[in-house]
C-alpha atoms as a PDB file:
ATOM      1  CA  TYR A   1       8.289  52.125  -5.268  1.00  0.00           C
ATOM      2  CA  SER A   2       9.699  55.344  -6.676  1.00  0.00           C
ATOM      3  CA  THR A   3      12.855  55.058  -4.536  1.00  0.00           C
ATOM      4  CA  ASP A   4      13.502  51.515  -5.713  1.00  0.00           C
ATOM      5  CA  ARG A   5      12.731  52.432  -9.311  1.00  0.00           C
ATOM      6  CA  ALA A   6      15.239  55.303  -9.152  1.00  0.00           C
ATOM      7  CA  LEU A   7      17.800  52.909  -7.660  1.00  0.00           C
ATOM      8  CA  LEU A   8      17.135  50.443 -10.461  1.00  0.00           C
ATOM      9  CA  LEU A   9      17.540  53.098 -13.140  1.00  0.00           C
ATOM     10  CA  SER A  10      20.759  54.451 -11.636  1.00  0.00           C
ATOM     11  CA  ASN A  11      22.411  51.043 -11.091  1.00  0.00           C
ATOM     12  CA  TYR A  12      21.281  49.489 -14.378  1.00  0.00           C
ATOM     13  CA  PRO A  13      20.951  52.439 -16.791  1.00  0.00           C
ATOM     14  CA  GLY A  14      21.134  50.655 -20.151  1.00  0.00           C
ATOM     15  CA  SER A  15      20.327  47.017 -19.684  1.00  0.00           C
ATOM     16  CA  ARG A  16      17.747  45.783 -17.229  1.00  0.00           C
ATOM     17  CA  ALA A  17      18.117  42.136 -18.226  1.00  0.00           C
ATOM     18  CA  VAL A  18      20.489  40.407 -15.848  1.00  0.00           C
ATOM     19  CA  SER A  19      21.567  36.951 -14.726  1.00  0.00           C
ATOM     20  CA  ALA A  20      20.003  35.196 -11.732  1.00  0.00           C
ATOM     21  CA  SER A  21      22.857  36.166  -9.398  1.00  0.00           C
ATOM     22  CA  GLU A  22      22.680  39.812 -10.513  1.00  0.00           C
ATOM     23  CA  ALA A  23      18.901  39.737 -10.045  1.00  0.00           C
ATOM     24  CA  LYS A  24      19.337  38.486  -6.461  1.00  0.00           C
ATOM     25  CA  ASP A  25      21.866  41.236  -5.769  1.00  0.00           C
ATOM     26  CA  ALA A  26      19.554  43.865  -7.264  1.00  0.00           C
ATOM     27  CA  ILE A  27      16.570  42.712  -5.186  1.00  0.00           C
ATOM     28  CA  ALA A  28      18.700  42.753  -2.033  1.00  0.00           C
ATOM     29  CA  ARG A  29      19.464  46.446  -2.697  1.00  0.00           C
ATOM     30  CA  PHE A  30      15.820  47.450  -3.041  1.00  0.00           C
ATOM     31  CA  ALA A  31      14.235  49.145  -0.030  1.00  0.00           C
ATOM     32  CA  ILE A  32      11.319  46.713  -0.303  1.00  0.00           C
ATOM     33  CA  TYR A  33      13.701  43.824   0.456  1.00  0.00           C
ATOM     34  CA  ASP A  34      14.043  44.999   4.078  1.00  0.00           C
ATOM     35  CA  ASP A  35      10.308  45.571   4.515  1.00  0.00           C
ATOM     36  CA  PRO A  36       8.867  43.219   7.174  1.00  0.00           C
ATOM     37  CA  THR A  37       5.772  42.539   5.071  1.00  0.00           C
ATOM     38  CA  PHE A  38       7.924  41.520   2.093  1.00  0.00           C
ATOM     39  CA  LYS A  39       9.991  39.209   4.310  1.00  0.00           C
ATOM     40  CA  ARG A  40       6.831  37.658   5.752  1.00  0.00           C
ATOM     41  CA  ARG A  41       5.045  37.160   2.432  1.00  0.00           C
ATOM     42  CA  VAL A  42       7.970  36.252   0.182  1.00  0.00           C
ATOM     43  CA  GLN A  43      10.128  33.403   1.391  1.00  0.00           C
ATOM     44  CA  ILE A  44      13.390  33.504  -0.594  1.00  0.00           C
ATOM     45  CA  THR A  45      16.085  31.847   1.481  1.00  0.00           C
ATOM     46  CA  THR A  46      16.908  28.699  -0.511  1.00  0.00           C
ATOM     47  CA  GLU A  47      18.007  28.418  -4.126  1.00  0.00           C
ATOM     48  CA  GLU A  48      14.727  26.693  -4.980  1.00  0.00           C
ATOM     49  CA  GLU A  49      12.718  29.564  -3.446  1.00  0.00           C
ATOM     50  CA  TRP A  50      14.802  32.100  -5.366  1.00  0.00           C
ATOM     51  CA  SER A  51      14.290  30.161  -8.579  1.00  0.00           C
ATOM     52  CA  THR A  52      10.541  30.025  -8.006  1.00  0.00           C
ATOM     53  CA  PHE A  53      10.371  33.741  -7.200  1.00  0.00           C
ATOM     54  CA  LEU A  54      12.443  34.745 -10.229  1.00  0.00           C
ATOM     55  CA  ASP A  55      10.417  32.479 -12.503  1.00  0.00           C
ATOM     56  CA  GLY A  56       8.020  34.439 -14.657  1.00  0.00           C
ATOM     57  CA  CYS A  57      10.317  37.457 -14.812  1.00  0.00           C
ATOM     58  CA  ARG A  58      12.506  36.267 -17.655  1.00  0.00           C
ATOM     59  CA  ASP A  59      13.377  38.845 -20.245  1.00  0.00           C
ATOM     60  CA  LYS A  60      11.570  38.183 -23.525  1.00  0.00           C
ATOM     61  CA  SER A  61      14.471  39.317 -25.677  1.00  0.00           C
ATOM     62  CA  GLU A  62      17.043  37.428 -23.562  1.00  0.00           C
ATOM     63  CA  PRO A  63      15.322  34.324 -22.085  1.00  0.00           C
ATOM     64  CA  GLY A  64      18.431  33.389 -20.086  1.00  0.00           C
ATOM     65  CA  ASN A  65      18.224  36.655 -18.149  1.00  0.00           C
ATOM     66  CA  TYR A  66      15.708  38.309 -15.837  1.00  0.00           C
ATOM     67  CA  ASN A  67      13.926  41.613 -16.347  1.00  0.00           C
ATOM     68  CA  LEU A  68      14.582  43.818 -13.310  1.00  0.00           C
ATOM     69  CA  GLU A  69      11.538  46.007 -13.950  1.00  0.00           C
ATOM     70  CA  LEU A  70       9.298  42.940 -13.775  1.00  0.00           C
ATOM     71  CA  LEU A  71      11.090  41.768 -10.636  1.00  0.00           C
ATOM     72  CA  LEU A  72      10.611  45.118  -8.944  1.00  0.00           C
ATOM     73  CA  LYS A  73       6.898  45.072  -9.783  1.00  0.00           C
ATOM     74  CA  LYS A  74       6.656  41.480  -8.540  1.00  0.00           C
ATOM     75  CA  CYS A  75       8.305  42.442  -5.229  1.00  0.00           C
ATOM     76  CA  TYR A  76       5.754  45.196  -4.659  1.00  0.00           C
ATOM     77  CA  SER A  77       2.728  43.238  -5.832  1.00  0.00           C
ATOM     78  CA  SER A  78       3.742  40.255  -3.676  1.00  0.00           C
ATOM     79  CA  THR A  79       4.084  42.555  -0.692  1.00  0.00           C
ATOM     80  CA  PHE A  80       1.066  44.805  -1.018  1.00  0.00           C
ATOM     81  CA  SER A  81      -1.569  42.963  -3.042  1.00  0.00           C
ATOM     82  CA  MET A  82      -4.651  41.925  -1.142  1.00  0.00           C
ATOM     83  CA  PRO A  83      -5.661  38.283  -1.139  1.00  0.00           C
ATOM     84  CA  PRO A  84      -9.108  37.500  -2.507  1.00  0.00           C
ATOM     85  CA  SER A  85     -11.884  38.030   0.001  1.00  0.00           C
ATOM     86  CA  PRO A  86     -13.471  34.924   1.535  1.00  0.00           C
ATOM     87  CA  THR A  87     -16.824  35.869  -0.013  1.00  0.00           C
ATOM     88  CA  ALA A  88     -15.294  36.064  -3.475  1.00  0.00           C
ATOM     89  CA  GLN A  89     -13.722  32.652  -2.978  1.00  0.00           C
ATOM     90  CA  ILE A  90     -17.075  31.187  -1.881  1.00  0.00           C
ATOM     91  CA  ARG A  91     -18.861  32.751  -4.889  1.00  0.00           C
ATOM     92  CA  SER A  92     -16.188  31.424  -7.221  1.00  0.00           C
ATOM     93  CA  GLN A  93     -16.430  27.965  -5.702  1.00  0.00           C
ATOM     94  CA  ARG A  94     -20.235  27.986  -5.990  1.00  0.00           C
ATOM     95  CA  SER A  95     -20.149  29.019  -9.636  1.00  0.00           C
ATOM     96  CA  GLU A  96     -17.641  26.248 -10.360  1.00  0.00           C
ATOM     97  CA  ASP A  97     -19.832  23.757  -8.524  1.00  0.00           C
ATOM     98  CA  ASN A  98     -22.898  24.905 -10.481  1.00  0.00           C
ATOM     99  CA  GLY A  99     -20.997  24.671 -13.753  1.00  0.00           C
ATOM    100  CA  VAL A 100     -19.899  21.135 -13.012  1.00  0.00           C
ATOM    101  CA  ALA A 101     -23.372  20.111 -11.813  1.00  0.00           C
ATOM    102  CA  GLY A 102     -24.959  21.644 -14.894  1.00  0.00           C
ATOM    103  CA  ALA A 103     -22.531  19.834 -17.159  1.00  0.00           C
ATOM    104  CA  THR A 104     -23.420  16.450 -15.673  1.00  0.00           C
ATOM    105  CA  LEU A 105     -27.165  16.771 -16.171  1.00  0.00           C
ATOM    106  CA  SER A 106     -28.428  14.548 -18.924  1.00  0.00           C
ATOM    107  CA  ALA A 107     -30.462  16.031 -21.737  1.00  0.00           C
ATOM    108  CA  LEU A 108     -34.204  15.555 -21.612  1.00  0.00           C
ATOM    109  CA  SER A 109     -35.572  13.415 -24.384  1.00  0.00           C
ATOM    110  CA  VAL A 110     -38.932  14.301 -25.888  1.00  0.00           C
END
């Protein structure tokens, strides 16, 4: 991460909000871009895939542009974040099921 962050700061010293094509170029320069895990987890070959990946990283002050810091963080989190454990998914599903079941119970009348 530190290598890519240094690259980001040196190539885009003042403004880190860039257009979609500049964002693609910037990502392609990051070391993470060549990482096999990144390539396996993040499919960005078509324009639609790029658009989906870039979505959510728009710059708040310039909505037409993308924030490179957010994109760098997204690259790393997409690559190295752990998926939820199967047990956590089962617990979550059970609690949702219980919530729905509890909501459908009719009130007792006295």
